[in-house]
Protein backbone atom coordinates (compact mmCIF):
# COMPACT_ATOMS: atom_id res chain seq x y z
CA MET A 1 59.17 92.60 6.57
CA THR A 2 59.20 96.40 6.66
CA ARG A 3 56.99 97.45 9.54
CA LEU A 4 56.00 100.64 11.35
CA THR A 5 54.81 100.51 14.96
CA ILE A 6 53.81 103.72 16.74
CA TYR A 7 53.75 104.00 20.54
CA ALA A 8 52.95 106.78 23.00
CA ASP A 9 56.35 107.56 24.49
CA SER A 10 54.91 106.78 27.93
CA GLU A 11 53.46 103.38 26.87
CA PRO A 12 56.25 101.23 25.37
CA GLY A 13 54.21 98.03 25.56
CA ASP A 14 51.00 99.29 23.97
CA PRO A 15 51.16 100.18 20.24
CA ILE A 16 48.86 102.95 18.96
CA ALA A 17 49.20 101.82 15.33
CA GLU A 18 50.98 99.13 13.29
CA THR A 19 51.31 98.63 9.56
CA ALA A 20 53.41 96.74 7.04
CA ASP A 21 51.87 98.58 4.06
CA GLY A 22 54.55 100.71 2.34
CA ALA A 23 52.13 103.48 1.36
CA GLU A 24 50.78 103.69 4.90
CA ILE A 25 54.33 103.76 6.32
CA ALA A 26 55.25 106.60 3.96
CA LYS A 27 52.06 108.48 4.89
CA HIS A 28 52.61 108.21 8.67
CA LEU A 29 56.30 109.08 8.43
CA GLY A 30 55.71 111.85 5.89
CA ALA A 31 53.24 113.49 8.28
CA ALA A 32 56.05 113.47 10.86
CA GLY A 33 58.52 115.02 8.37
CA VAL A 34 60.41 111.77 7.70
CA ARG A 35 61.07 110.52 4.18
CA PHE A 36 60.44 106.85 3.36
CA GLU A 37 60.89 105.35 -0.12
CA ARG A 38 61.43 101.98 -1.76
CA TRP A 39 64.33 101.65 -4.23
CA HIS A 40 65.31 98.68 -6.35
CA ALA A 41 68.79 97.59 -7.43
CA HIS A 42 69.76 97.60 -11.06
CA ALA A 43 72.08 94.62 -10.44
CA ALA A 44 72.50 91.89 -7.85
CA ILE A 45 75.03 92.57 -5.07
CA ALA A 46 77.65 89.85 -4.65
CA ASP A 47 78.50 88.60 -1.15
CA ASP A 48 82.04 89.91 -1.60
CA ALA A 49 81.04 93.24 -3.23
CA ASP A 50 83.10 96.16 -2.01
CA GLN A 51 81.90 99.69 -1.25
CA GLN A 52 82.43 100.95 -4.82
CA ALA A 53 80.46 98.07 -6.36
CA ILE A 54 77.57 98.59 -3.96
CA LEU A 55 77.49 102.37 -4.49
CA GLY A 56 77.71 101.79 -8.26
CA SER A 57 74.58 99.63 -8.21
CA TYR A 58 72.62 102.56 -6.78
CA ARG A 59 74.48 105.46 -8.40
CA PRO A 60 71.44 107.08 -10.12
CA GLU A 61 69.37 107.02 -6.91
CA VAL A 62 72.23 108.26 -4.72
CA GLU A 63 73.03 111.06 -7.18
CA ARG A 64 69.37 112.12 -7.40
CA LEU A 65 69.00 112.19 -3.63
CA SER A 66 72.34 113.96 -3.16
CA LYS A 67 71.31 116.67 -5.59
CA GLU A 68 67.90 117.11 -3.92
CA GLY A 69 69.28 117.24 -0.38
CA GLY A 70 72.68 118.83 -0.93
CA TYR A 71 74.45 115.69 0.31
CA ARG A 72 78.17 115.55 -0.41
CA THR A 73 79.36 112.06 0.44
CA ALA A 74 78.17 108.45 0.65
CA ASP A 75 79.64 105.30 2.13
CA VAL A 76 78.62 101.73 2.89
CA ILE A 77 78.40 99.95 6.22
CA ARG A 78 78.23 96.16 6.10
CA LEU A 79 77.78 94.03 9.22
CA LYS A 80 77.39 90.28 9.52
CA PRO A 81 76.62 88.18 12.62
CA ASP A 82 80.30 87.29 13.07
CA HIS A 83 81.58 90.90 12.93
CA PRO A 84 84.09 91.22 15.80
CA ASP A 85 82.80 94.68 16.86
CA ARG A 86 79.06 93.93 16.56
CA VAL A 87 78.36 94.29 20.31
CA ALA A 88 80.16 97.64 20.60
CA LEU A 89 78.62 98.96 17.38
CA ARG A 90 75.12 98.00 18.50
CA LYS A 91 75.63 99.72 21.85
CA LYS A 92 76.93 102.88 20.13
CA PHE A 93 73.64 103.41 18.27
CA LEU A 94 71.20 102.29 21.02
CA ASP A 95 71.16 105.54 23.01
CA GLU A 96 68.86 108.36 21.95
CA HIS A 97 70.71 111.02 19.96
CA THR A 98 70.34 113.69 17.30
CA HIS A 99 72.44 114.86 14.37
CA ALA A 100 73.14 118.31 12.96
CA GLU A 101 72.31 116.88 9.52
CA ASP A 102 69.74 114.47 8.09
CA GLU A 103 70.42 110.78 8.73
CA VAL A 104 69.89 109.08 5.38
CA ARG A 105 70.08 105.29 5.12
CA PHE A 106 69.30 102.92 2.30
CA PHE A 107 69.11 99.21 3.13
CA VAL A 108 70.84 97.18 0.41
CA GLU A 109 70.38 93.94 2.35
CA GLY A 110 69.39 92.76 5.79
CA SER A 111 67.40 94.75 8.32
CA GLY A 112 67.46 96.98 11.38
CA ALA A 113 65.10 99.17 13.40
CA PHE A 114 65.06 102.95 13.68
CA TYR A 115 63.19 104.46 16.61
CA LEU A 116 62.10 108.10 16.19
CA HIS A 117 61.01 110.11 19.24
CA LEU A 118 58.60 112.76 17.95
CA ASP A 119 55.74 114.68 19.60
CA HIS A 120 55.36 112.33 22.60
CA LYS A 121 55.38 109.28 20.33
CA VAL A 122 57.98 106.68 19.39
CA TYR A 123 57.93 105.40 15.80
CA GLN A 124 59.68 102.05 15.39
CA ILE A 125 60.49 101.46 11.73
CA VAL A 126 61.89 98.04 10.90
CA CYS A 127 63.69 98.65 7.63
CA GLU A 128 64.86 95.97 5.25
CA LYS A 129 66.24 95.53 1.74
CA ASN A 130 65.15 98.33 -0.63
CA ASP A 131 64.03 100.74 2.14
CA LEU A 132 65.27 104.34 2.20
CA LEU A 133 64.77 106.35 5.37
CA SER A 134 65.74 110.00 5.79
CA VAL A 135 65.48 111.30 9.35
CA PRO A 136 65.57 115.12 9.51
CA ALA A 137 68.38 116.90 11.36
CA GLY A 138 67.61 117.43 15.04
CA THR A 139 65.22 114.46 15.30
CA ARG A 140 65.63 112.46 18.50
CA HIS A 141 66.18 108.81 17.57
CA TRP A 142 68.19 105.61 18.04
CA PHE A 143 68.96 102.56 15.92
CA ASP A 144 69.07 98.85 16.74
CA MET A 145 70.74 96.38 14.40
CA GLY A 146 69.90 93.44 16.66
CA PRO A 147 72.20 91.04 18.51
CA THR A 148 73.25 89.22 15.32
CA PRO A 149 73.34 91.99 12.72
CA ARG A 150 73.04 91.25 9.04
CA LEU A 151 72.82 94.46 7.10
CA THR A 152 74.36 96.48 4.34
CA CYS A 153 73.41 100.16 4.20
CA ILE A 154 74.37 103.08 2.05
CA ARG A 155 74.83 106.11 4.29
CA ILE A 156 74.52 109.57 2.72
CA PHE A 157 75.90 112.70 4.42
CA THR A 158 76.35 116.44 4.02
CA ASN A 159 79.24 116.39 6.51
CA PRO A 160 82.34 114.71 5.05
CA GLU A 161 83.20 113.48 8.57
CA GLY A 162 80.24 111.10 8.39
CA TRP A 163 78.27 109.97 11.44
CA VAL A 164 78.45 112.56 14.25
CA ALA A 165 75.92 112.23 17.09
CA GLN A 166 74.83 114.44 19.98
CA PHE A 167 73.51 112.14 22.70
CA THR A 168 70.47 113.46 24.59
CA GLY A 169 71.08 111.62 27.87
CA ASP A 170 67.42 110.54 27.90
CA GLN A 171 67.03 106.87 28.92
CA ILE A 172 63.89 106.32 26.80
CA ALA A 173 65.56 103.88 24.41
CA GLY A 174 65.95 101.34 27.20
CA GLN A 175 62.18 101.30 27.78
CA PHE A 176 61.24 100.06 24.29
CA PRO A 177 61.54 96.54 22.84
CA LYS A 178 64.91 95.88 21.26
CA TYR A 179 65.05 94.65 17.69
CA GLY A 180 65.58 90.93 17.24
CA GLU A 181 65.10 90.00 20.88
């Protein structure tokens, strides 16, 4: 279930607010400058669907968003519990970092948790199928796909190189509950 939990960054075990209501999630995140939307597929995605088939199912939404945000490229990341690099990939995203561009993700299937570090608060957003999250450039954050990832996401970029992170060196991510554990 899509869920937002907000913590004081100094109190990782004591939530300030929690909600699973989509409108409330959008309101809280919107006030923090983060875009949250729900999209719906025009066609079912097959288990063996390739990147082009997945992007094709969401072409109108991706094109609309690309035009609005000036995004130039999109790709698909698909991870299953038996992925041979799942441990290394999880570790790569678990440290707090920023990007020089917006981080835009649409969950086609599965789930994962984004953690946003804003104004002395940490926003944990558990995203799942049909959730779109756009984290503004320069926002301190990390992502946890869990120990047995099952997710397919469309990633939308302005930089043709794709995912490029600047790690902050802050150890805050290790203080908060990990997703799926």
